[in-house]
Amino acid sequence: MNDLSLSNPISRRSCLQLAALMTTKATLGWADDQKKQSFIDAHVHVWTADTESYPLGPDYDKKDMQPKSFTPEELLAHTRPAGVDKIVLIQMSYYQFDNSYMLDTIAKYPDTFRGVAIIDHEQADAPETMKKLLKQGVTGFRLYANADATSQWLASKTMATMWKTAADTGQAICLLANPDALPNIEKLCRKFPKTTVVVDHFGRIGVDGTIRTKDLDNLCQLAQHENVYVKTSAFYALGKKQPPYEDLGPMIKRLRNSFGAKRLMWASDCPFQVENNHTYAASIALIKDRLDFLTDEDKKWMLNKTAQHVYWS
């Protein structure tokens, strides 16, 4: 009879203790794996109903605020259950050039947030403003890009200064672009190859319900520039605009094949992703669970490491 026989009371006790230990270790290992699983949401907006402390820009009125507020605390109620522990705040248009609310949010939760600010690039002190904001957690700047605007940027001295400064500071130029702007964006990337550029929401391809091959071709042309990144985001607003958003899979696959997952990042675009029949869980699940062509390594980059590199490094 060997020492592991269960008929031996001492061996039986030892085996039961060993089994309990193995079960405990397995449980702790699973818990550790869950704890290690952390995600970054690369694009959300926050604002407050307190317009006395944080006045709206001259082009906006309180009735424009829909919903009336989306505070950091309201945001975290969605992100924390999903395993998201870092978030990139995008300056809300309601405040225009006044980034105060976003900056105060970063200061309140410095381990959680980074910011993408909006500034007036026409101002002579724009480079100094960019450097000052970097110290306050701002690692990118938003620009609204359509065909007309980007055409003017190609010859703009002040825009050139902004892009060159961003290259020096390591801050990203983040473009809310229309598909018609993509050819000019390619020219800008060629002109400023050292500047990190992030194209938001697939360049809004499919916002009218149709994902056009020509638009996707133009977006994939940007892959030749090594410092260009694309946000796979705002699923609620593109294509069929219905969860589980699997109709966006072919576009994501082509971008993965063109850019590589290391230059793609997931984002929700909250609070708009959590309105009507859309949910936060459905957004992150598209990348995490529903696209079988994405490898585990692809998911690590898209859900964490790319945004970490662009906005935290």
Protein backbone atom coordinates (compact mmCIF):
# COMPACT_ATOMS: atom_id res chain seq x y z
CA MET A 1 0.00 0.00 0.00
CA ASN A 2 1.59 3.29 -1.07
CA ASP A 3 1.71 6.45 0.97
CA LEU A 4 -1.03 8.13 -1.12
CA SER A 5 -3.61 5.48 -0.47
CA LEU A 6 -6.83 6.99 0.92
CA SER A 7 -7.22 4.00 3.28
CA ASN A 8 -4.31 5.30 5.32
CA PRO A 9 -5.76 7.96 7.68
CA ILE A 10 -2.56 10.03 7.72
CA SER A 11 -2.24 9.89 3.91
CA ARG A 12 -5.92 10.67 3.53
CA ARG A 13 -5.57 13.76 5.72
CA SER A 14 -2.48 14.83 3.75
CA CYS A 15 -4.30 14.38 0.46
CA LEU A 16 -7.28 16.39 1.62
CA GLN A 17 -4.99 19.20 2.80
CA LEU A 18 -3.13 19.12 -0.51
CA ALA A 19 -6.39 19.21 -2.46
CA ALA A 20 -7.60 22.17 -0.39
CA LEU A 21 -4.32 23.97 -0.93
CA MET A 22 -4.46 23.38 -4.69
CA THR A 23 -8.05 24.62 -4.81
CA THR A 24 -7.10 27.74 -2.88
CA LYS A 25 -4.15 28.42 -5.15
CA ALA A 26 -6.31 27.91 -8.23
CA THR A 27 -8.90 30.33 -6.87
CA LEU A 28 -6.26 32.88 -5.96
CA GLY A 29 -4.64 32.46 -9.37
CA TRP A 30 -7.97 33.11 -11.07
CA ALA A 31 -8.47 36.16 -8.86
CA ASP A 32 -4.98 37.40 -9.73
CA ASP A 33 -5.71 36.96 -13.44
CA GLN A 34 -8.91 38.93 -13.04
CA LYS A 35 -7.07 41.62 -11.09
CA LYS A 36 -4.39 41.86 -13.78
CA GLN A 37 -7.06 42.28 -16.44
CA SER A 38 -7.35 46.05 -16.68
CA PHE A 39 -8.55 48.15 -19.57
CA ILE A 40 -8.21 51.73 -20.77
CA ASP A 41 -11.09 53.67 -22.27
CA ALA A 42 -9.40 56.06 -24.68
CA HIS A 43 -12.27 58.48 -25.26
CA VAL A 44 -14.95 59.83 -22.92
CA HIS A 45 -16.46 63.22 -22.09
CA VAL A 46 -17.44 64.65 -18.71
CA TRP A 47 -19.32 67.77 -17.73
CA THR A 48 -21.30 69.16 -14.83
CA ALA A 49 -24.67 70.83 -14.41
CA ASP A 50 -22.89 73.46 -12.30
CA THR A 51 -22.54 76.12 -14.99
CA GLU A 52 -21.82 78.83 -12.44
CA SER A 53 -18.54 77.26 -11.40
CA TYR A 54 -17.85 76.02 -14.92
CA PRO A 55 -19.41 78.42 -17.45
CA LEU A 56 -20.31 77.21 -20.92
CA GLY A 57 -18.63 78.63 -23.99
CA PRO A 58 -20.29 81.54 -25.81
CA ASP A 59 -21.70 79.24 -28.50
CA TYR A 60 -23.59 77.00 -26.05
CA ASP A 61 -26.59 77.19 -23.74
CA LYS A 62 -27.70 74.91 -20.89
CA LYS A 63 -30.41 73.44 -23.11
CA ASP A 64 -27.64 72.06 -25.34
CA MET A 65 -26.35 69.84 -22.53
CA GLN A 66 -27.72 66.36 -23.17
CA PRO A 67 -27.65 64.68 -20.73
CA LYS A 68 -27.64 67.55 -18.23
CA SER A 69 -24.51 66.20 -16.62
CA PHE A 70 -22.05 63.37 -16.93
CA THR A 71 -19.68 63.70 -14.02
CA PRO A 72 -16.59 61.57 -13.33
CA GLU A 73 -18.56 59.73 -10.67
CA GLU A 74 -21.37 58.95 -13.12
CA LEU A 75 -18.76 57.75 -15.60
CA LEU A 76 -16.94 55.52 -13.10
CA ALA A 77 -20.20 53.75 -12.29
CA HIS A 78 -20.02 52.34 -15.84
CA THR A 79 -16.28 51.83 -16.19
CA ARG A 80 -15.31 50.16 -12.93
CA PRO A 81 -17.60 47.11 -13.27
CA ALA A 82 -16.14 46.58 -16.76
CA GLY A 83 -12.55 46.44 -15.49
CA VAL A 84 -11.59 49.85 -16.90
CA ASP A 85 -9.20 51.61 -14.53
CA LYS A 86 -7.72 54.30 -16.78
CA ILE A 87 -9.58 56.78 -18.95
CA VAL A 88 -8.74 59.47 -21.47
CA LEU A 89 -10.95 62.54 -21.09
CA ILE A 90 -11.77 64.51 -24.23
CA GLN A 91 -12.57 68.16 -23.62
CA MET A 92 -16.32 68.61 -24.02
CA SER A 93 -17.28 71.06 -26.74
CA TYR A 94 -19.69 72.86 -24.37
CA TYR A 95 -16.69 74.47 -22.65
CA GLN A 96 -14.79 75.30 -25.86
CA PHE A 97 -11.30 76.59 -24.91
CA ASP A 98 -11.92 76.52 -21.15
CA ASN A 99 -10.50 73.16 -20.04
CA SER A 100 -11.05 73.82 -16.32
CA TYR A 101 -13.56 71.07 -15.58
CA MET A 102 -11.45 68.43 -17.30
CA LEU A 103 -8.29 69.63 -15.52
CA ASP A 104 -10.01 69.60 -12.14
CA THR A 105 -11.18 66.06 -12.82
CA ILE A 106 -7.64 64.93 -13.64
CA ALA A 107 -6.35 66.63 -10.48
CA LYS A 108 -9.01 64.84 -8.42
CA TYR A 109 -8.23 61.41 -9.90
CA PRO A 110 -4.62 61.65 -11.13
CA ASP A 111 -4.11 57.89 -11.32
CA THR A 112 -7.21 57.40 -13.44
CA PHE A 113 -7.37 60.18 -16.01
CA ARG A 114 -5.37 61.82 -18.77
CA GLY A 115 -6.76 64.63 -20.89
CA VAL A 116 -7.14 65.80 -24.48
CA ALA A 117 -7.63 69.56 -24.41
CA ILE A 118 -8.96 72.10 -26.89
CA ILE A 119 -6.90 75.26 -27.32
CA ASP A 120 -6.85 78.20 -29.70
CA HIS A 121 -3.90 77.34 -31.91
CA GLU A 122 -4.02 80.82 -33.44
CA GLN A 123 -2.77 82.38 -30.22
CA ALA A 124 0.92 83.31 -30.11
CA ASP A 125 1.35 81.59 -26.74
CA ALA A 126 -0.13 78.28 -27.93
CA PRO A 127 3.19 76.39 -27.57
CA GLU A 128 3.60 77.59 -23.98
CA THR A 129 -0.02 76.63 -23.27
CA MET A 130 0.60 73.14 -24.60
CA LYS A 131 3.65 72.68 -22.39
CA LYS A 132 1.85 74.01 -19.34
CA LEU A 133 -1.08 71.66 -19.90
CA LEU A 134 1.27 68.69 -20.20
CA LYS A 135 2.21 69.22 -16.54
CA GLN A 136 -1.50 69.04 -15.71
CA GLY A 137 -2.03 65.66 -17.34
CA VAL A 138 -2.96 66.78 -20.85
CA THR A 139 -1.31 64.46 -23.36
CA GLY A 140 -3.27 65.36 -26.46
CA PHE A 141 -5.17 68.12 -28.26
CA ARG A 142 -8.44 67.85 -30.15
CA LEU A 143 -8.98 69.36 -33.58
CA TYR A 144 -12.14 69.24 -35.68
CA ALA A 145 -11.12 68.05 -39.12
CA ASN A 146 -13.14 68.32 -42.30
CA ALA A 147 -11.94 68.78 -45.88
CA ASP A 148 -12.03 72.59 -45.81
CA ALA A 149 -10.31 72.96 -42.44
CA THR A 150 -7.53 70.48 -43.20
CA SER A 151 -6.91 72.13 -46.57
CA GLN A 152 -6.25 75.40 -44.75
CA TRP A 153 -4.07 73.70 -42.14
CA LEU A 154 -1.61 72.60 -44.83
CA ALA A 155 -0.55 76.22 -45.34
CA SER A 156 -1.14 77.51 -41.79
CA LYS A 157 1.93 78.69 -39.89
CA THR A 158 0.16 78.54 -36.53
CA MET A 159 -1.04 74.99 -37.20
CA ALA A 160 2.49 74.02 -38.20
CA THR A 161 3.74 75.40 -34.88
CA MET A 162 1.14 73.36 -32.99
CA TRP A 163 2.04 70.10 -34.76
CA LYS A 164 5.78 70.70 -34.31
CA THR A 165 5.33 71.53 -30.63
CA ALA A 166 3.30 68.36 -30.14
CA ALA A 167 6.15 66.37 -31.70
CA ASP A 168 8.59 67.96 -29.25
CA THR A 169 6.41 67.42 -26.15
CA GLY A 170 5.15 63.96 -27.10
CA GLN A 171 1.53 65.10 -27.02
CA ALA A 172 -0.87 63.71 -29.61
CA ILE A 173 -2.90 65.60 -32.19
CA CYS A 174 -6.34 63.98 -31.92
CA LEU A 175 -8.60 64.47 -34.90
CA LEU A 176 -12.38 64.29 -34.90
CA ALA A 177 -12.33 63.81 -38.65
CA ASN A 178 -14.88 63.41 -41.37
CA PRO A 179 -14.05 60.90 -44.11
CA ASP A 180 -13.58 63.73 -46.62
CA ALA A 181 -10.64 65.03 -44.55
CA LEU A 182 -8.59 61.82 -44.72
CA PRO A 183 -6.60 62.67 -47.89
CA ASN A 184 -5.50 66.01 -46.40
CA ILE A 185 -4.70 64.33 -43.08
CA GLU A 186 -2.37 62.02 -44.99
CA LYS A 187 -0.58 65.08 -46.39
CA LEU A 188 -0.29 66.58 -42.92
CA CYS A 189 1.17 63.35 -41.55
CA ARG A 190 3.71 63.38 -44.36
CA LYS A 191 4.55 67.01 -43.55
CA PHE A 192 4.88 66.36 -39.80
CA PRO A 193 6.13 62.75 -39.56
CA LYS A 194 7.31 63.04 -35.95
CA THR A 195 3.91 64.14 -34.63
CA THR A 196 1.71 61.52 -33.00
CA VAL A 197 -1.72 61.62 -34.66
CA VAL A 198 -4.85 59.87 -33.42
CA VAL A 199 -7.90 59.56 -35.66
CA ASP A 200 -11.06 59.34 -33.55
CA HIS A 201 -13.99 57.00 -34.22
CA PHE A 202 -12.64 55.35 -37.42
CA GLY A 203 -12.60 58.79 -39.04
CA ARG A 204 -16.41 58.63 -38.66
CA ILE A 205 -16.64 56.18 -41.53
CA GLY A 206 -20.15 54.74 -41.53
CA VAL A 207 -21.76 57.57 -39.59
CA ASP A 208 -24.48 57.75 -42.27
CA GLY A 209 -25.00 53.98 -42.05
CA THR A 210 -22.78 53.07 -45.03
CA ILE A 211 -19.16 51.97 -44.74
CA ARG A 212 -17.66 52.97 -48.07
CA THR A 213 -14.62 51.16 -49.42
CA LYS A 214 -13.10 54.40 -50.72
CA ASP A 215 -13.25 55.97 -47.26
CA LEU A 216 -11.71 52.90 -45.66
CA ASP A 217 -8.99 52.90 -48.33
CA ASN A 218 -8.16 56.50 -47.41
CA LEU A 219 -8.04 55.67 -43.70
CA CYS A 220 -5.76 52.68 -44.32
CA GLN A 221 -3.45 54.92 -46.37
CA LEU A 222 -2.50 56.55 -43.06
CA ALA A 223 -0.95 53.28 -41.91
CA GLN A 224 2.20 54.12 -43.89
CA HIS A 225 2.92 56.80 -41.26
CA GLU A 226 4.27 55.05 -38.17
CA ASN A 227 2.99 57.66 -35.70
CA VAL A 228 -0.66 57.46 -36.73
CA TYR A 229 -3.17 55.64 -34.50
CA VAL A 230 -6.89 54.95 -34.91
CA LYS A 231 -9.61 54.70 -32.29
CA THR A 232 -12.05 51.86 -32.84
CA SER A 233 -14.81 53.62 -30.96
CA ALA A 234 -18.30 55.16 -30.94
CA PHE A 235 -19.90 51.91 -32.07
CA TYR A 236 -23.35 53.29 -31.23
CA ALA A 237 -23.00 55.89 -34.01
CA LEU A 238 -21.60 53.87 -36.92
CA GLY A 239 -22.86 51.31 -39.40
CA LYS A 240 -26.11 49.66 -38.29
CA LYS A 241 -25.80 51.46 -34.92
CA GLN A 242 -27.17 48.47 -33.08
CA PRO A 243 -25.55 46.17 -30.52
CA PRO A 244 -23.70 43.83 -30.69
CA TYR A 245 -22.09 45.97 -33.49
CA GLU A 246 -20.66 42.96 -35.31
CA ASP A 247 -21.27 44.67 -38.66
CA LEU A 248 -18.21 46.79 -37.78
CA GLY A 249 -16.06 43.67 -37.60
CA PRO A 250 -14.85 43.73 -41.23
CA MET A 251 -13.72 47.36 -40.86
CA ILE A 252 -11.88 46.54 -37.63
CA LYS A 253 -10.25 43.52 -39.26
CA ARG A 254 -8.98 45.58 -42.18
CA LEU A 255 -7.59 48.22 -39.81
CA ARG A 256 -5.91 45.51 -37.72
CA ASN A 257 -4.34 44.10 -40.88
CA SER A 258 -3.22 47.56 -42.09
CA PHE A 259 -2.08 49.26 -38.87
CA GLY A 260 -1.54 46.31 -36.58
CA ALA A 261 -3.24 46.12 -33.20
CA LYS A 262 -0.41 48.15 -31.65
CA ARG A 263 -1.80 51.25 -33.38
CA LEU A 264 -5.47 50.67 -32.62
CA MET A 265 -7.24 51.54 -29.37
CA TRP A 266 -10.73 50.88 -28.11
CA ALA A 267 -12.88 53.65 -26.66
CA SER A 268 -16.52 54.01 -25.68
CA ASP A 269 -17.30 57.70 -26.36
CA CYS A 270 -19.34 57.90 -23.17
CA PRO A 271 -21.86 59.15 -22.24
CA PHE A 272 -23.30 58.65 -25.72
CA GLN A 273 -22.46 54.95 -25.66
CA VAL A 274 -24.72 54.41 -22.64
CA GLU A 275 -27.87 56.06 -23.99
CA ASN A 276 -31.02 54.49 -25.47
CA ASN A 277 -30.48 50.76 -26.12
CA HIS A 278 -26.68 51.01 -25.99
CA THR A 279 -24.55 49.85 -23.07
CA TYR A 280 -20.97 50.10 -21.92
CA ALA A 281 -20.74 46.32 -21.68
CA ALA A 282 -21.77 45.90 -25.32
CA SER A 283 -19.07 48.31 -26.48
CA ILE A 284 -16.15 46.63 -24.74
CA ALA A 285 -17.51 43.15 -25.53
CA LEU A 286 -17.15 43.73 -29.28
CA ILE A 287 -13.36 43.83 -28.92
CA LYS A 288 -13.02 41.54 -25.91
CA ASP A 289 -15.37 38.72 -26.89
CA ARG A 290 -17.00 38.93 -30.31
CA LEU A 291 -14.33 39.19 -33.01
CA ASP A 292 -12.64 35.82 -33.45
CA PHE A 293 -9.92 37.22 -35.73
CA LEU A 294 -8.47 39.23 -32.84
CA THR A 295 -5.77 37.34 -30.96
CA ASP A 296 -5.29 37.67 -27.22
CA GLU A 297 -2.28 39.85 -27.95
CA ASP A 298 -4.36 42.06 -30.26
CA LYS A 299 -6.88 42.56 -27.48
CA LYS A 300 -4.18 43.49 -24.95
CA TRP A 301 -3.01 46.29 -27.24
CA MET A 302 -6.43 47.53 -28.30
CA LEU A 303 -7.90 47.46 -24.80
CA ASN A 304 -4.89 48.76 -22.89
CA LYS A 305 -1.34 48.93 -24.20
CA THR A 306 -1.84 51.24 -27.19
CA ALA A 307 -3.61 53.92 -25.16
CA GLN A 308 -1.06 53.47 -22.39
CA HIS A 309 1.72 54.13 -24.88
CA VAL A 310 0.08 57.17 -26.52
CA TYR A 311 -1.40 58.93 -23.48
CA TRP A 312 0.62 57.78 -20.46
CA SER A 313 4.18 57.18 -21.72
